[in-house]
Amino acid sequence: MPIYVIKRDGGREEFSPEKIVVSCLKAGAPLDVARKIARIIECDLLKSGINEVTTKDLMKSVLSYLRQENEEWYRNWIVFDRAVKKRKSEE
């Protein structure tokens, strides 16, 4: 059963671990760590049995794992979200 991500605009799209990998890479994480985080989150979602997750909840999970790996990568994500996307992702 596929898992869907509920986007900020209310749209839905199928969960894609690759999007997490790309976001982690942009934050400065190396490829192996980015893939590990994406796998962990995908497993968490599958174990939970849910078939929908909001972008915000997904982002909170990614940020949590990113911070556990490296505080600088976490801060890079926060700065990028504020400067480029005009969001406050840590809230």
C-alpha atoms as a PDB file:
ATOM      1  CA  MET A   1       0.000   0.000   0.000  1.00  0.00           C
ATOM      2  CA  PRO A   2       1.549   3.351  -0.990  1.00  0.00           C
ATOM      3  CA  ILE A   3       2.064   6.172   1.483  1.00  0.00           C
ATOM      4  CA  TYR A   4       0.927   9.624   0.411  1.00  0.00           C
ATOM      5  CA  VAL A   5       2.325  12.970   1.465  1.00  0.00           C
ATOM      6  CA  ILE A   6      -0.213  15.725   2.059  1.00  0.00           C
ATOM      7  CA  LYS A   7       1.437  18.858   0.682  1.00  0.00           C
ATOM      8  CA  ARG A   8       1.153  22.342   2.182  1.00  0.00           C
ATOM      9  CA  ASP A   9      -1.305  23.335  -0.561  1.00  0.00           C
ATOM     10  CA  GLY A  10      -3.534  20.346   0.239  1.00  0.00           C
ATOM     11  CA  GLY A  11      -2.378  18.286  -2.742  1.00  0.00           C
ATOM     12  CA  ARG A  12      -1.248  14.696  -2.399  1.00  0.00           C
ATOM     13  CA  GLU A  13       1.684  12.857  -3.883  1.00  0.00           C
ATOM     14  CA  GLU A  14       3.190   9.447  -3.331  1.00  0.00           C
ATOM     15  CA  PHE A  15       5.980   9.315  -0.754  1.00  0.00           C
ATOM     16  CA  SER A  16       9.406   9.399  -2.392  1.00  0.00           C
ATOM     17  CA  PRO A  17      12.479   8.590  -0.265  1.00  0.00           C
ATOM     18  CA  GLU A  18      14.623  10.219  -2.950  1.00  0.00           C
ATOM     19  CA  LYS A  19      13.181  13.627  -2.039  1.00  0.00           C
ATOM     20  CA  ILE A  20      14.488  13.154   1.498  1.00  0.00           C
ATOM     21  CA  VAL A  21      17.898  12.155   0.132  1.00  0.00           C
ATOM     22  CA  VAL A  22      18.063  15.293  -2.031  1.00  0.00           C
ATOM     23  CA  SER A  23      17.020  17.548   0.858  1.00  0.00           C
ATOM     24  CA  CYS A  24      19.617  16.023   3.180  1.00  0.00           C
ATOM     25  CA  LEU A  25      22.308  16.435   0.522  1.00  0.00           C
ATOM     26  CA  LYS A  26      21.381  20.116   0.165  1.00  0.00           C
ATOM     27  CA  ALA A  27      21.800  20.464   3.939  1.00  0.00           C
ATOM     28  CA  GLY A  28      25.339  19.106   3.658  1.00  0.00           C
ATOM     29  CA  ALA A  29      24.908  15.446   4.587  1.00  0.00           C
ATOM     30  CA  PRO A  30      26.952  12.926   2.589  1.00  0.00           C
ATOM     31  CA  LEU A  31      25.065  10.529   0.321  1.00  0.00           C
ATOM     32  CA  ASP A  32      25.352   7.516   2.639  1.00  0.00           C
ATOM     33  CA  VAL A  33      23.885   9.454   5.585  1.00  0.00           C
ATOM     34  CA  ALA A  34      21.154  10.999   3.411  1.00  0.00           C
ATOM     35  CA  ARG A  35      20.141   7.531   2.207  1.00  0.00           C
ATOM     36  CA  LYS A  36      20.228   6.150   5.759  1.00  0.00           C
ATOM     37  CA  ILE A  37      17.893   8.897   7.000  1.00  0.00           C
ATOM     38  CA  ALA A  38      15.497   8.298   4.078  1.00  0.00           C
ATOM     39  CA  ARG A  39      15.465   4.543   4.789  1.00  0.00           C
ATOM     40  CA  ILE A  40      14.827   5.050   8.505  1.00  0.00           C
ATOM     41  CA  ILE A  41      11.934   7.419   7.841  1.00  0.00           C
ATOM     42  CA  GLU A  42      10.451   5.105   5.218  1.00  0.00           C
ATOM     43  CA  CYS A  43      10.645   2.190   7.679  1.00  0.00           C
ATOM     44  CA  ASP A  44       9.081   4.333  10.428  1.00  0.00           C
ATOM     45  CA  LEU A  45       6.175   5.175   8.118  1.00  0.00           C
ATOM     46  CA  LEU A  46       5.687   1.568   7.025  1.00  0.00           C
ATOM     47  CA  LYS A  47       5.778   0.292  10.621  1.00  0.00           C
ATOM     48  CA  SER A  48       3.243   2.904  11.713  1.00  0.00           C
ATOM     49  CA  GLY A  49       0.711   1.501   9.260  1.00  0.00           C
ATOM     50  CA  ILE A  50      -0.459   4.947   8.201  1.00  0.00           C
ATOM     51  CA  ASN A  51      -1.032   5.693   4.538  1.00  0.00           C
ATOM     52  CA  GLU A  52      -0.790   9.503   4.764  1.00  0.00           C
ATOM     53  CA  VAL A  53       1.674  11.927   6.330  1.00  0.00           C
ATOM     54  CA  THR A  54       1.785  15.705   6.138  1.00  0.00           C
ATOM     55  CA  THR A  55       4.788  17.496   4.682  1.00  0.00           C
ATOM     56  CA  LYS A  56       5.230  19.225   8.043  1.00  0.00           C
ATOM     57  CA  ASP A  57       5.327  15.957  10.016  1.00  0.00           C
ATOM     58  CA  LEU A  58       7.676  14.416   7.475  1.00  0.00           C
ATOM     59  CA  MET A  59       9.966  17.447   7.699  1.00  0.00           C
ATOM     60  CA  LYS A  60      10.008  17.244  11.516  1.00  0.00           C
ATOM     61  CA  SER A  61      11.177  13.628  11.280  1.00  0.00           C
ATOM     62  CA  VAL A  62      13.880  14.454   8.750  1.00  0.00           C
ATOM     63  CA  LEU A  63      15.110  17.367  10.881  1.00  0.00           C
ATOM     64  CA  SER A  64      15.190  15.190  13.985  1.00  0.00           C
ATOM     65  CA  TYR A  65      17.349  12.528  12.317  1.00  0.00           C
ATOM     66  CA  LEU A  66      19.504  15.151  10.614  1.00  0.00           C
ATOM     67  CA  ARG A  67      20.166  16.834  13.959  1.00  0.00           C
ATOM     68  CA  GLN A  68      21.120  13.498  15.534  1.00  0.00           C
ATOM     69  CA  GLU A  69      23.684  12.992  12.790  1.00  0.00           C
ATOM     70  CA  ASN A  70      25.167  16.491  12.661  1.00  0.00           C
ATOM     71  CA  GLU A  71      24.035  19.780  14.202  1.00  0.00           C
ATOM     72  CA  GLU A  72      25.539  21.796  11.332  1.00  0.00           C
ATOM     73  CA  TRP A  73      23.457  19.969   8.696  1.00  0.00           C
ATOM     74  CA  TYR A  74      20.359  20.642  10.781  1.00  0.00           C
ATOM     75  CA  ARG A  75      21.216  24.368  10.973  1.00  0.00           C
ATOM     76  CA  ASN A  76      21.938  24.448   7.229  1.00  0.00           C
ATOM     77  CA  TRP A  77      18.405  23.145   6.559  1.00  0.00           C
ATOM     78  CA  ILE A  78      16.887  25.757   8.883  1.00  0.00           C
ATOM     79  CA  VAL A  79      18.836  28.595   7.245  1.00  0.00           C
ATOM     80  CA  PHE A  80      17.914  27.390   3.737  1.00  0.00           C
ATOM     81  CA  ASP A  81      14.222  27.149   4.626  1.00  0.00           C
ATOM     82  CA  ARG A  82      14.225  30.661   6.072  1.00  0.00           C
ATOM     83  CA  ALA A  83      16.262  32.314   3.319  1.00  0.00           C
ATOM     84  CA  VAL A  84      15.037  30.530   0.197  1.00  0.00           C
ATOM     85  CA  LYS A  85      11.629  29.098   1.029  1.00  0.00           C
ATOM     86  CA  LYS A  86      10.605  31.805   3.510  1.00  0.00           C
ATOM     87  CA  ARG A  87       9.522  29.192   6.083  1.00  0.00           C
ATOM     88  CA  LYS A  88      10.339  28.536   9.694  1.00  0.00           C
ATOM     89  CA  SER A  89      10.848  24.790   9.599  1.00  0.00           C
ATOM     90  CA  GLU A  90      11.902  24.477  13.218  1.00  0.00           C
ATOM     91  CA  GLU A  91       8.413  25.456  14.438  1.00  0.00           C
END
